[in-house]
PDB file of N, CA and C in Angstrom:
ATOM      1  N   MET A   1     -12.181   7.216   6.871  1.00  0.00           N
ATOM      2  CA  MET A   1     -10.753   7.425   6.663  1.00  0.00           C
ATOM      3  C   MET A   1     -10.029   6.072   6.588  1.00  0.00           C
ATOM      4  N   VAL A   2      -9.160   5.926   5.640  1.00  0.00           N
ATOM      5  CA  VAL A   2      -8.249   4.774   5.546  1.00  0.00           C
ATOM      6  C   VAL A   2      -6.779   5.321   5.798  1.00  0.00           C
ATOM      7  N   THR A   3      -6.088   4.434   6.534  1.00  0.00           N
ATOM      8  CA  THR A   3      -4.648   4.779   6.898  1.00  0.00           C
ATOM      9  C   THR A   3      -3.787   3.900   6.056  1.00  0.00           C
ATOM     10  N   ILE A   4      -2.906   4.470   5.237  1.00  0.00           N
ATOM     11  CA  ILE A   4      -1.837   3.751   4.508  1.00  0.00           C
ATOM     12  C   ILE A   4      -0.546   3.905   5.270  1.00  0.00           C
ATOM     13  N   THR A   5       0.050   2.801   5.666  1.00  0.00           N
ATOM     14  CA  THR A   5       1.366   2.838   6.255  1.00  0.00           C
ATOM     15  C   THR A   5       2.414   2.186   5.550  1.00  0.00           C
ATOM     16  N   LEU A   6       3.491   2.995   5.278  1.00  0.00           N
ATOM     17  CA  LEU A   6       4.581   2.538   4.377  1.00  0.00           C
ATOM     18  C   LEU A   6       5.643   2.042   5.292  1.00  0.00           C
ATOM     19  N   MET A   7       6.109   0.803   5.095  1.00  0.00           N
ATOM     20  CA  MET A   7       7.092   0.206   6.028  1.00  0.00           C
ATOM     21  C   MET A   7       8.346  -0.062   5.339  1.00  0.00           C
ATOM     22  N   GLY A   8       9.397  -0.408   6.170  1.00  0.00           N
ATOM     23  CA  GLY A   8      10.718  -0.596   5.675  1.00  0.00           C
ATOM     24  C   GLY A   8      11.339   0.619   5.029  1.00  0.00           C
ATOM     25  N   GLN A   9      11.834   0.596   3.837  1.00  0.00           N
ATOM     26  CA  GLN A   9      12.325   1.709   3.099  1.00  0.00           C
ATOM     27  C   GLN A   9      11.353   2.522   2.281  1.00  0.00           C
ATOM     28  N   LEU A  10      10.077   2.180   2.363  1.00  0.00           N
ATOM     29  CA  LEU A  10       9.090   2.874   1.578  1.00  0.00           C
ATOM     30  C   LEU A  10       8.821   4.179   2.244  1.00  0.00           C
ATOM     31  N   GLU A  11       8.460   5.227   1.355  1.00  0.00           N
ATOM     32  CA  GLU A  11       8.029   6.453   1.826  1.00  0.00           C
ATOM     33  C   GLU A  11       7.461   7.222   0.598  1.00  0.00           C
ATOM     34  N   THR A  12       6.610   8.248   0.917  1.00  0.00           N
ATOM     35  CA  THR A  12       5.998   9.037  -0.168  1.00  0.00           C
ATOM     36  C   THR A  12       7.073   9.852  -0.790  1.00  0.00           C
ATOM     37  N   THR A  13       6.708  10.576  -1.922  1.00  0.00           N
ATOM     38  CA  THR A  13       7.700  11.496  -2.484  1.00  0.00           C
ATOM     39  C   THR A  13       8.054  12.668  -1.621  1.00  0.00           C
ATOM     40  N   GLU A  14       7.223  12.904  -0.635  1.00  0.00           N
ATOM     41  CA  GLU A  14       7.481  13.973   0.341  1.00  0.00           C
ATOM     42  C   GLU A  14       8.137  13.382   1.652  1.00  0.00           C
ATOM     43  N   GLY A  15       8.594  12.152   1.628  1.00  0.00           N
ATOM     44  CA  GLY A  15       9.261  11.547   2.797  1.00  0.00           C
ATOM     45  C   GLY A  15       8.275  11.161   3.937  1.00  0.00           C
ATOM     46  N   GLU A  16       7.001  11.007   3.697  1.00  0.00           N
ATOM     47  CA  GLU A  16       6.035  10.571   4.685  1.00  0.00           C
ATOM     48  C   GLU A  16       6.021   9.105   4.769  1.00  0.00           C
ATOM     49  N   ARG A  17       5.640   8.570   5.958  1.00  0.00           N
ATOM     50  CA  ARG A  17       5.456   7.106   6.103  1.00  0.00           C
ATOM     51  C   ARG A  17       4.011   6.670   6.365  1.00  0.00           C
ATOM     52  N   SER A  18       3.149   7.669   6.471  1.00  0.00           N
ATOM     53  CA  SER A  18       1.770   7.374   6.706  1.00  0.00           C
ATOM     54  C   SER A  18       0.854   8.422   5.973  1.00  0.00           C
ATOM     55  N   VAL A  19      -0.243   7.876   5.399  1.00  0.00           N
ATOM     56  CA  VAL A  19      -1.082   8.727   4.514  1.00  0.00           C
ATOM     57  C   VAL A  19      -2.517   8.419   4.950  1.00  0.00           C
ATOM     58  N   LEU A  20      -3.254   9.437   5.285  1.00  0.00           N
ATOM     59  CA  LEU A  20      -4.687   9.223   5.580  1.00  0.00           C
ATOM     60  C   LEU A  20      -5.546   9.560   4.259  1.00  0.00           C
ATOM     61  N   CYS A  21      -6.470   8.758   3.995  1.00  0.00           N
ATOM     62  CA  CYS A  21      -7.280   8.825   2.820  1.00  0.00           C
ATOM     63  C   CYS A  21      -8.763   8.847   3.072  1.00  0.00           C
ATOM     64  N   GLU A  22      -9.558   9.733   2.582  1.00  0.00           N
ATOM     65  CA  GLU A  22     -11.033   9.635   2.582  1.00  0.00           C
ATOM     66  C   GLU A  22     -11.500   8.866   1.434  1.00  0.00           C
ATOM     67  N   ILE A  23     -12.475   7.956   1.700  1.00  0.00           N
ATOM     68  CA  ILE A  23     -13.089   7.243   0.613  1.00  0.00           C
ATOM     69  C   ILE A  23     -14.623   7.203   0.838  1.00  0.00           C
ATOM     70  N   ALA A  24     -15.323   7.302  -0.147  1.00  0.00           N
ATOM     71  CA  ALA A  24     -16.881   7.399  -0.081  1.00  0.00           C
ATOM     72  C   ALA A  24     -17.414   5.962  -0.090  1.00  0.00           C
ATOM     73  N   GLU A  25     -16.651   5.042  -0.739  1.00  0.00           N
ATOM     74  CA  GLU A  25     -17.195   3.636  -0.810  1.00  0.00           C
ATOM     75  C   GLU A  25     -16.009   2.751  -0.921  1.00  0.00           C
ATOM     76  N   PRO A  26     -16.213   1.390  -0.676  1.00  0.00           N
ATOM     77  CA  PRO A  26     -15.086   0.435  -0.730  1.00  0.00           C
ATOM     78  C   PRO A  26     -14.436   0.471  -2.193  1.00  0.00           C
ATOM     79  N   ILE A  27     -13.132   0.508  -2.162  1.00  0.00           N
ATOM     80  CA  ILE A  27     -12.356   0.442  -3.434  1.00  0.00           C
ATOM     81  C   ILE A  27     -11.190  -0.448  -3.240  1.00  0.00           C
ATOM     82  N   PRO A  28     -10.639  -0.991  -4.403  1.00  0.00           N
ATOM     83  CA  PRO A  28      -9.420  -1.840  -4.343  1.00  0.00           C
ATOM     84  C   PRO A  28      -8.244  -1.088  -3.918  1.00  0.00           C
ATOM     85  N   VAL A  29      -7.275  -1.830  -3.279  1.00  0.00           N
ATOM     86  CA  VAL A  29      -5.985  -1.160  -2.855  1.00  0.00           C
ATOM     87  C   VAL A  29      -5.346  -0.448  -4.009  1.00  0.00           C
ATOM     88  N   LYS A  30      -5.258  -1.027  -5.158  1.00  0.00           N
ATOM     89  CA  LYS A  30      -4.646  -0.459  -6.298  1.00  0.00           C
ATOM     90  C   LYS A  30      -5.282   0.928  -6.579  1.00  0.00           C
ATOM     91  N   GLN A  31      -6.530   0.995  -6.644  1.00  0.00           N
ATOM     92  CA  GLN A  31      -7.264   2.314  -6.946  1.00  0.00           C
ATOM     93  C   GLN A  31      -7.006   3.333  -5.800  1.00  0.00           C
ATOM     94  N   LEU A  32      -7.056   2.831  -4.582  1.00  0.00           N
ATOM     95  CA  LEU A  32      -6.716   3.723  -3.487  1.00  0.00           C
ATOM     96  C   LEU A  32      -5.371   4.385  -3.643  1.00  0.00           C
ATOM     97  N   LEU A  33      -4.360   3.674  -3.967  1.00  0.00           N
ATOM     98  CA  LEU A  33      -3.068   4.223  -4.175  1.00  0.00           C
ATOM     99  C   LEU A  33      -2.997   5.107  -5.385  1.00  0.00           C
ATOM    100  N   GLN A  34      -3.665   4.742  -6.463  1.00  0.00           N
ATOM    101  CA  GLN A  34      -3.692   5.655  -7.629  1.00  0.00           C
ATOM    102  C   GLN A  34      -4.307   6.995  -7.303  1.00  0.00           C
ATOM    103  N   LYS A  35      -5.375   6.948  -6.497  1.00  0.00           N
ATOM    104  CA  LYS A  35      -6.020   8.165  -6.135  1.00  0.00           C
ATOM    105  C   LYS A  35      -5.125   9.143  -5.388  1.00  0.00           C
ATOM    106  N   GLN A  36      -4.077   8.747  -4.897  1.00  0.00           N
ATOM    107  CA  GLN A  36      -3.152   9.647  -4.112  1.00  0.00           C
ATOM    108  C   GLN A  36      -2.264  10.397  -5.049  1.00  0.00           C
ATOM    109  N   GLY A  37      -2.258   9.960  -6.313  1.00  0.00           N
ATOM    110  CA  GLY A  37      -1.531  10.682  -7.369  1.00  0.00           C
ATOM    111  C   GLY A  37      -0.006  10.653  -7.176  1.00  0.00           C
ATOM    112  N   ARG A  38       0.604  11.727  -7.558  1.00  0.00           N
ATOM    113  CA  ARG A  38       2.092  11.933  -7.574  1.00  0.00           C
ATOM    114  C   ARG A  38       2.711  11.431  -6.214  1.00  0.00           C
ATOM    115  N   LYS A  39       2.126  11.747  -5.107  1.00  0.00           N
ATOM    116  CA  LYS A  39       2.675  11.361  -3.831  1.00  0.00           C
ATOM    117  C   LYS A  39       3.058   9.915  -3.644  1.00  0.00           C
ATOM    118  N   LEU A  40       2.202   9.048  -4.233  1.00  0.00           N
ATOM    119  CA  LEU A  40       2.515   7.524  -4.090  1.00  0.00           C
ATOM    120  C   LEU A  40       2.859   6.914  -5.491  1.00  0.00           C
ATOM    121  N   ARG A  41       3.122   7.752  -6.477  1.00  0.00           N
ATOM    122  CA  ARG A  41       3.411   7.108  -7.792  1.00  0.00           C
ATOM    123  C   ARG A  41       4.503   6.083  -7.743  1.00  0.00           C
ATOM    124  N   PRO A  42       5.645   6.280  -6.967  1.00  0.00           N
ATOM    125  CA  PRO A  42       6.699   5.226  -6.997  1.00  0.00           C
ATOM    126  C   PRO A  42       6.171   3.913  -6.284  1.00  0.00           C
ATOM    127  N   ILE A  43       5.305   4.092  -5.283  1.00  0.00           N
ATOM    128  CA  ILE A  43       4.720   2.998  -4.650  1.00  0.00           C
ATOM    129  C   ILE A  43       3.798   2.214  -5.631  1.00  0.00           C
ATOM    130  N   THR A  44       3.007   2.974  -6.377  1.00  0.00           N
ATOM    131  CA  THR A  44       2.065   2.367  -7.340  1.00  0.00           C
ATOM    132  C   THR A  44       2.892   1.542  -8.338  1.00  0.00           C
ATOM    133  N   ARG A  45       3.982   2.135  -8.789  1.00  0.00           N
ATOM    134  CA  ARG A  45       4.838   1.368  -9.763  1.00  0.00           C
ATOM    135  C   ARG A  45       5.304   0.111  -9.210  1.00  0.00           C
ATOM    136  N   LEU A  46       5.851   0.168  -7.921  1.00  0.00           N
ATOM    137  CA  LEU A  46       6.360  -1.137  -7.307  1.00  0.00           C
ATOM    138  C   LEU A  46       5.234  -2.115  -7.130  1.00  0.00           C
ATOM    139  N   LEU A  47       4.047  -1.646  -6.830  1.00  0.00           N
ATOM    140  CA  LEU A  47       2.885  -2.594  -6.740  1.00  0.00           C
ATOM    141  C   LEU A  47       2.656  -3.267  -8.055  1.00  0.00           C
ATOM    142  N   ARG A  48       2.654  -2.552  -9.067  1.00  0.00           N
ATOM    143  CA  ARG A  48       2.439  -3.049 -10.421  1.00  0.00           C
ATOM    144  C   ARG A  48       3.459  -4.056 -10.746  1.00  0.00           C
ATOM    145  N   GLU A  49       4.711  -3.895 -10.353  1.00  0.00           N
ATOM    146  CA  GLU A  49       5.858  -4.758 -10.588  1.00  0.00           C
ATOM    147  C   GLU A  49       5.886  -5.948  -9.586  1.00  0.00           C
ATOM    148  N   LYS A  50       4.852  -6.068  -8.737  1.00  0.00           N
ATOM    149  CA  LYS A  50       4.725  -7.112  -7.667  1.00  0.00           C
ATOM    150  C   LYS A  50       5.889  -7.135  -6.801  1.00  0.00           C
ATOM    151  N   LYS A  51       6.389  -5.898  -6.346  1.00  0.00           N
ATOM    152  CA  LYS A  51       7.465  -5.703  -5.469  1.00  0.00           C
ATOM    153  C   LYS A  51       6.967  -5.129  -4.131  1.00  0.00           C
ATOM    154  N   ILE A  52       5.667  -5.219  -3.876  1.00  0.00           N
ATOM    155  CA  ILE A  52       5.116  -4.695  -2.681  1.00  0.00           C
ATOM    156  C   ILE A  52       4.197  -5.812  -2.027  1.00  0.00           C
ATOM    157  N   LEU A  53       4.388  -6.118  -0.687  1.00  0.00           N
ATOM    158  CA  LEU A  53       3.481  -6.927   0.017  1.00  0.00           C
ATOM    159  C   LEU A  53       2.454  -6.014   0.667  1.00  0.00           C
ATOM    160  N   VAL A  54       1.165  -6.462   0.623  1.00  0.00           N
ATOM    161  CA  VAL A  54       0.001  -5.654   1.088  1.00  0.00           C
ATOM    162  C   VAL A  54      -0.622  -6.424   2.256  1.00  0.00           C
ATOM    163  N   THR A  55      -0.980  -5.726   3.319  1.00  0.00           N
ATOM    164  CA  THR A  55      -1.897  -6.244   4.350  1.00  0.00           C
ATOM    165  C   THR A  55      -2.988  -5.221   4.498  1.00  0.00           C
ATOM    166  N   VAL A  56      -4.205  -5.698   4.772  1.00  0.00           N
ATOM    167  CA  VAL A  56      -5.369  -4.876   5.120  1.00  0.00           C
ATOM    168  C   VAL A  56      -5.814  -5.399   6.494  1.00  0.00           C
ATOM    169  N   ASN A  57      -5.796  -4.543   7.458  1.00  0.00           N
ATOM    170  CA  ASN A  57      -6.231  -4.898   8.856  1.00  0.00           C
ATOM    171  C   ASN A  57      -5.445  -6.119   9.348  1.00  0.00           C
ATOM    172  N   LYS A  58      -4.072  -6.080   9.079  1.00  0.00           N
ATOM    173  CA  LYS A  58      -3.084  -7.147   9.516  1.00  0.00           C
ATOM    174  C   LYS A  58      -3.422  -8.503   8.840  1.00  0.00           C
ATOM    175  N   ARG A  59      -4.091  -8.554   7.732  1.00  0.00           N
ATOM    176  CA  ARG A  59      -4.305  -9.740   6.993  1.00  0.00           C
ATOM    177  C   ARG A  59      -3.660  -9.655   5.661  1.00  0.00           C
ATOM    178  N   ILE A  60      -3.056 -10.671   5.128  1.00  0.00           N
ATOM    179  CA  ILE A  60      -2.400 -10.616   3.822  1.00  0.00           C
ATOM    180  C   ILE A  60      -3.509 -10.338   2.842  1.00  0.00           C
ATOM    181  N   ALA A  61      -3.174  -9.419   1.902  1.00  0.00           N
ATOM    182  CA  ALA A  61      -4.089  -8.956   0.967  1.00  0.00           C
ATOM    183  C   ALA A  61      -3.424  -8.877  -0.492  1.00  0.00           C
ATOM    184  N   SER A  62      -4.131  -8.352  -1.427  1.00  0.00           N
ATOM    185  CA  SER A  62      -3.598  -8.198  -2.784  1.00  0.00           C
ATOM    186  C   SER A  62      -3.987  -6.688  -3.244  1.00  0.00           C
ATOM    187  N   GLU A  63      -3.513  -6.349  -4.383  1.00  0.00           N
ATOM    188  CA  GLU A  63      -3.915  -5.005  -4.961  1.00  0.00           C
ATOM    189  C   GLU A  63      -5.370  -4.905  -5.288  1.00  0.00           C
ATOM    190  N   GLU A  64      -6.031  -6.099  -5.350  1.00  0.00           N
ATOM    191  CA  GLU A  64      -7.506  -6.155  -5.697  1.00  0.00           C
ATOM    192  C   GLU A  64      -8.418  -6.181  -4.500  1.00  0.00           C
ATOM    193  N   THR A  65      -7.762  -6.311  -3.304  1.00  0.00           N
ATOM    194  CA  THR A  65      -8.538  -6.369  -2.086  1.00  0.00           C
ATOM    195  C   THR A  65      -9.239  -5.108  -1.897  1.00  0.00           C
ATOM    196  N   HIS A  66     -10.530  -5.105  -1.589  1.00  0.00           N
ATOM    197  CA  HIS A  66     -11.348  -3.818  -1.323  1.00  0.00           C
ATOM    198  C   HIS A  66     -11.059  -3.331   0.149  1.00  0.00           C
ATOM    199  N   VAL A  67     -10.947  -2.057   0.168  1.00  0.00           N
ATOM    200  CA  VAL A  67     -10.687  -1.407   1.563  1.00  0.00           C
ATOM    201  C   VAL A  67     -11.945  -0.611   1.810  1.00  0.00           C
ATOM    202  N   HIS A  68     -12.282  -0.560   3.089  1.00  0.00           N
ATOM    203  CA  HIS A  68     -13.379   0.174   3.526  1.00  0.00           C
ATOM    204  C   HIS A  68     -12.973   1.228   4.544  1.00  0.00           C
ATOM    205  N   ASP A  69     -13.914   2.196   4.790  1.00  0.00           N
ATOM    206  CA  ASP A  69     -13.635   3.269   5.738  1.00  0.00           C
ATOM    207  C   ASP A  69     -13.216   2.727   7.037  1.00  0.00           C
ATOM    208  N   GLY A  70     -12.111   3.104   7.640  1.00  0.00           N
ATOM    209  CA  GLY A  70     -11.666   2.703   8.902  1.00  0.00           C
ATOM    210  C   GLY A  70     -10.577   1.615   8.765  1.00  0.00           C
ATOM    211  N   ASP A  71     -10.309   1.092   7.559  1.00  0.00           N
ATOM    212  CA  ASP A  71      -9.266   0.021   7.419  1.00  0.00           C
ATOM    213  C   ASP A  71      -7.829   0.633   7.478  1.00  0.00           C
ATOM    214  N   GLU A  72      -6.916  -0.232   7.838  1.00  0.00           N
ATOM    215  CA  GLU A  72      -5.482   0.088   7.852  1.00  0.00           C
ATOM    216  C   GLU A  72      -4.798  -0.744   6.769  1.00  0.00           C
ATOM    217  N   VAL A  73      -4.193  -0.102   5.874  1.00  0.00           N
ATOM    218  CA  VAL A  73      -3.408  -0.785   4.819  1.00  0.00           C
ATOM    219  C   VAL A  73      -1.918  -0.552   5.109  1.00  0.00           C
ATOM    220  N   ASN A  74      -1.135  -1.701   5.146  1.00  0.00           N
ATOM    221  CA  ASN A  74       0.349  -1.660   5.346  1.00  0.00           C
ATOM    222  C   ASN A  74       0.921  -2.174   4.038  1.00  0.00           C
ATOM    223  N   LEU A  75       1.990  -1.474   3.652  1.00  0.00           N
ATOM    224  CA  LEU A  75       2.752  -1.785   2.462  1.00  0.00           C
ATOM    225  C   LEU A  75       4.214  -1.926   2.828  1.00  0.00           C
ATOM    226  N   VAL A  76       4.845  -3.054   2.372  1.00  0.00           N
ATOM    227  CA  VAL A  76       6.235  -3.281   2.593  1.00  0.00           C
ATOM    228  C   VAL A  76       6.856  -3.747   1.272  1.00  0.00           C
ATOM    229  N   ALA A  77       8.046  -3.263   0.902  1.00  0.00           N
ATOM    230  CA  ALA A  77       8.732  -3.624  -0.228  1.00  0.00           C
ATOM    231  C   ALA A  77       9.428  -5.001  -0.089  1.00  0.00           C
ATOM    232  N   HIS A  78       9.500  -5.757  -1.173  1.00  0.00           N
ATOM    233  CA  HIS A  78      10.263  -6.992  -1.168  1.00  0.00           C
ATOM    234  C   HIS A  78      10.763  -7.182  -2.616  1.00  0.00           C
ATOM    235  N   ASP A  79      11.841  -7.943  -2.744  1.00  0.00           N
ATOM    236  CA  ASP A  79      12.418  -8.156  -4.032  1.00  0.00           C
ATOM    237  C   ASP A  79      12.018  -9.572  -4.615  1.00  0.00           C
ATOM    238  N   GLY A  80      11.415 -10.390  -3.847  1.00  0.00           N
ATOM    239  CA  GLY A  80      10.999 -11.694  -4.256  1.00  0.00           C
ATOM    240  C   GLY A  80      12.098 -12.642  -4.571  1.00  0.00           C
ATOM    241  N   MET A  81      13.304 -12.355  -4.216  1.00  0.00           N
ATOM    242  CA  MET A  81      14.462 -13.150  -4.577  1.00  0.00           C
ATOM    243  C   MET A  81      15.157 -13.668  -3.298  1.00  0.00           C
ATOM    244  N   SER A  82      14.551 -13.526  -2.164  1.00  0.00           N
ATOM    245  CA  SER A  82      15.222 -14.046  -0.898  1.00  0.00           C
ATOM    246  C   SER A  82      15.430 -15.555  -0.946  1.00  0.00           C
ATOM    247  N   THR A  83      16.618 -16.037  -0.581  1.00  0.00           N
ATOM    248  CA  THR A  83      16.965 -17.423  -0.545  1.00  0.00           C
ATOM    249  C   THR A  83      16.944 -17.896   0.907  1.00  0.00           C
ATOM    250  N   LYS A  84      16.724 -16.943   1.850  1.00  0.00           N
ATOM    251  CA  LYS A  84      16.877 -17.271   3.247  1.00  0.00           C
ATOM    252  C   LYS A  84      15.448 -17.684   3.829  1.00  0.00           C
ATOM    253  N   GLY A  85      15.420 -18.389   4.799  1.00  0.00           N
ATOM    254  CA  GLY A  85      14.189 -18.743   5.572  1.00  0.00           C
ATOM    255  C   GLY A  85      13.642 -17.653   6.251  1.00  0.00           C
ATOM    256  N   LEU A  86      12.389 -17.856   6.869  1.00  0.00           N
ATOM    257  CA  LEU A  86      11.766 -16.841   7.561  1.00  0.00           C
ATOM    258  C   LEU A  86      12.367 -16.633   8.761  1.00  0.00           C
TER     259      LEU A  86
END
């Protein structure tokens, strides 16, 4: 089971902030999101537009990072235009 947690203003089309996913083998984050279909379609679009930051097990990741059973994926939106420091 993989847990996808949506942070900040992100949520599924049903208003959920967390999604549990069964996977049979390791797959890329992008494919994991696509497998969720309509529920995560807006999130998938933002990922494609590079407006989502991804972490897997609290480590910075990308849409191509493979996730394994038991992993935790966190997604947070960003606009990439911040002029302020951290």
